[in-house]
Amino acid sequence: MLKPDNEMTLKLCALSANESFARSAVAAFCVQLNPTLEQINDIKTAVSEAVTNSVVHAYDGGTDGYVIIDCKIIGDSVHIAVSDAGVGIKDIARAREPFFTTKPEEERSGMGFTVMESFMDSLDVKDNEGGGLKVIMVKKIGAKIIA
């Protein structure tokens, strides 16, 4: 991977209350690329889904874990990695299928990965070293306004 032009890392307790902060912080970081309102909303939606998935699934709604968000600006793209050290996913390919959910009793739609993929230019889901999961998303924005 190329050397980032800028980067930040957030480490948040795995609490639903932190989801809105996470999406706002990532959106604020992306402003230096001069995104459109639509692009910012796309990023916020994808980050919201990724963080919510970690809170709900990785730690089963408990508060013992963390969600880590790494953001990097490389050229005209933002690279966002959302990771946790939770239980992971046994079958990532199946989990990426639309409407698949491990919590149907909680009325989960099973569309988290589908939503992330539809709002970002690329999405990769992999096991995190040491346990848990890492969701890596990339969105091409445009010309930087801050060097």
Protein backbone atom coordinates (compact mmCIF):
# COMPACT_ATOMS: atom_id res chain seq x y z
CA MET A 1 0.00 0.00 0.00
CA LEU A 2 1.16 3.53 -0.72
CA LYS A 3 2.23 5.87 2.06
CA PRO A 4 -0.81 7.79 3.33
CA ASP A 5 -1.03 11.55 2.85
CA ASN A 6 -2.82 11.75 6.20
CA GLU A 7 -4.22 9.27 8.71
CA MET A 8 -6.06 8.94 12.00
CA THR A 9 -7.05 6.14 14.37
CA LEU A 10 -10.02 6.04 16.74
CA LYS A 11 -10.42 3.48 19.51
CA LEU A 12 -13.93 3.40 20.94
CA CYS A 13 -15.67 1.26 23.52
CA ALA A 14 -18.07 -1.12 21.76
CA LEU A 15 -21.16 0.86 22.71
CA SER A 16 -24.07 1.76 20.46
CA ALA A 17 -23.78 5.33 21.75
CA ASN A 18 -20.39 5.68 20.03
CA GLU A 19 -21.71 4.89 16.53
CA SER A 20 -22.81 8.47 15.79
CA PHE A 21 -19.49 9.87 17.04
CA ALA A 22 -17.55 7.41 14.86
CA ARG A 23 -19.42 8.33 11.69
CA SER A 24 -19.13 12.06 12.40
CA ALA A 25 -15.41 11.83 13.16
CA VAL A 26 -14.69 9.90 9.96
CA ALA A 27 -16.81 12.34 7.95
CA ALA A 28 -14.92 15.29 9.44
CA PHE A 29 -11.60 13.64 8.57
CA CYS A 30 -12.75 13.19 4.96
CA VAL A 31 -13.60 16.89 4.51
CA GLN A 32 -10.00 17.59 3.50
CA LEU A 33 -10.72 15.74 0.23
CA ASN A 34 -13.54 18.18 -0.60
CA PRO A 35 -16.27 15.52 -0.92
CA THR A 36 -19.80 16.14 -2.10
CA LEU A 37 -22.62 15.91 0.40
CA GLU A 38 -23.64 12.61 -1.22
CA GLN A 39 -20.13 11.19 -0.78
CA ILE A 40 -20.05 12.23 2.90
CA ASN A 41 -23.44 10.63 3.48
CA ASP A 42 -22.27 7.44 1.75
CA ILE A 43 -19.21 7.26 4.01
CA LYS A 44 -21.24 7.99 7.15
CA THR A 45 -23.74 5.25 6.28
CA ALA A 46 -21.03 2.67 5.61
CA VAL A 47 -19.12 3.53 8.81
CA SER A 48 -22.35 3.39 10.79
CA GLU A 49 -23.07 -0.12 9.48
CA ALA A 50 -19.54 -1.35 10.19
CA VAL A 51 -19.45 0.01 13.74
CA THR A 52 -22.96 -1.24 14.50
CA ASN A 53 -22.00 -4.72 13.25
CA SER A 54 -19.02 -4.77 15.61
CA VAL A 55 -21.07 -3.64 18.60
CA VAL A 56 -23.98 -6.02 17.97
CA HIS A 57 -22.21 -9.10 16.64
CA ALA A 58 -18.55 -9.08 17.73
CA TYR A 59 -19.26 -8.54 21.39
CA ASP A 60 -22.89 -9.69 21.43
CA GLY A 61 -24.01 -6.30 22.72
CA GLY A 62 -21.58 -6.43 25.64
CA THR A 63 -19.33 -3.55 26.62
CA ASP A 64 -16.06 -5.44 27.14
CA GLY A 65 -14.54 -4.72 23.75
CA TYR A 66 -13.35 -1.97 21.47
CA VAL A 67 -13.98 -0.89 17.92
CA ILE A 68 -10.94 0.54 16.16
CA ILE A 69 -11.27 2.75 13.10
CA ASP A 70 -8.21 3.48 10.99
CA CYS A 71 -8.64 6.12 8.28
CA LYS A 72 -6.06 6.93 5.66
CA ILE A 73 -6.11 9.39 2.81
CA ILE A 74 -4.11 8.13 -0.12
CA GLY A 75 -4.27 10.42 -3.12
CA ASP A 76 -7.92 11.06 -3.88
CA SER A 77 -9.30 8.15 -1.84
CA VAL A 78 -10.15 7.49 1.77
CA HIS A 79 -9.37 4.03 3.14
CA ILE A 80 -11.36 3.10 6.25
CA ALA A 81 -10.71 -0.03 8.29
CA VAL A 82 -13.14 -0.89 11.09
CA SER A 83 -11.91 -3.72 13.28
CA ASP A 84 -12.75 -5.50 16.50
CA ALA A 85 -11.36 -8.37 18.56
CA GLY A 86 -14.70 -10.10 19.01
CA VAL A 87 -16.01 -13.52 18.06
CA GLY A 88 -15.42 -13.14 14.32
CA ILE A 89 -17.48 -14.72 11.55
CA LYS A 90 -17.26 -18.43 10.79
CA ASP A 91 -18.30 -18.06 7.13
CA ILE A 92 -17.52 -14.58 5.79
CA ALA A 93 -18.77 -15.38 2.28
CA ARG A 94 -22.16 -16.46 3.64
CA ALA A 95 -22.34 -13.47 5.99
CA ARG A 96 -21.91 -11.16 2.97
CA GLU A 97 -25.01 -12.61 1.30
CA PRO A 98 -27.98 -10.22 1.37
CA PHE A 99 -30.51 -10.99 4.14
CA PHE A 100 -28.21 -13.40 6.00
CA THR A 101 -28.35 -12.76 9.74
CA THR A 102 -27.26 -14.64 12.82
CA LYS A 103 -29.80 -12.75 14.94
CA PRO A 104 -33.21 -13.11 13.30
CA GLU A 105 -34.88 -12.96 16.71
CA GLU A 106 -33.66 -9.35 16.99
CA GLU A 107 -35.23 -8.46 13.64
CA ARG A 108 -31.86 -7.83 12.00
CA SER A 109 -32.15 -7.37 8.24
CA GLY A 110 -28.88 -9.05 7.27
CA MET A 111 -28.07 -6.20 4.89
CA GLY A 112 -25.07 -4.63 6.68
CA PHE A 113 -22.35 -5.77 4.27
CA THR A 114 -24.61 -5.16 1.28
CA VAL A 115 -25.24 -1.59 2.44
CA MET A 116 -21.52 -0.96 3.02
CA GLU A 117 -20.66 -2.36 -0.40
CA SER A 118 -23.30 -0.28 -2.17
CA PHE A 119 -22.07 3.01 -0.67
CA MET A 120 -18.32 2.46 -1.04
CA ASP A 121 -16.11 1.79 -4.07
CA SER A 122 -14.67 -1.36 -2.53
CA LEU A 123 -15.26 -3.55 0.50
CA ASP A 124 -13.09 -6.31 1.90
CA VAL A 125 -13.94 -8.39 4.96
CA LYS A 126 -11.27 -10.50 6.61
CA ASP A 127 -10.35 -12.13 9.86
CA ASN A 128 -8.47 -9.75 12.11
CA GLU A 129 -5.11 -10.86 13.41
CA GLY A 130 -5.60 -11.98 16.99
CA GLY A 131 -9.32 -12.59 16.57
CA GLY A 132 -12.30 -10.59 15.47
CA LEU A 133 -12.98 -9.04 12.11
CA LYS A 134 -11.70 -6.22 9.92
CA VAL A 135 -13.86 -4.45 7.37
CA ILE A 136 -11.84 -2.41 4.87
CA MET A 137 -13.68 0.15 2.76
CA VAL A 138 -12.39 2.54 0.10
CA LYS A 139 -14.11 5.57 -1.38
CA LYS A 140 -12.65 7.72 -4.15
CA ILE A 141 -13.45 11.35 -3.43
CA GLY A 142 -11.60 13.80 -5.61
CA ALA A 143 -9.04 16.55 -5.34
CA LYS A 144 -7.61 17.39 -1.92
CA ILE A 145 -8.08 20.91 -0.59
CA ILE A 146 -5.64 20.51 2.32
CA ALA A 147 -2.12 19.23 1.80
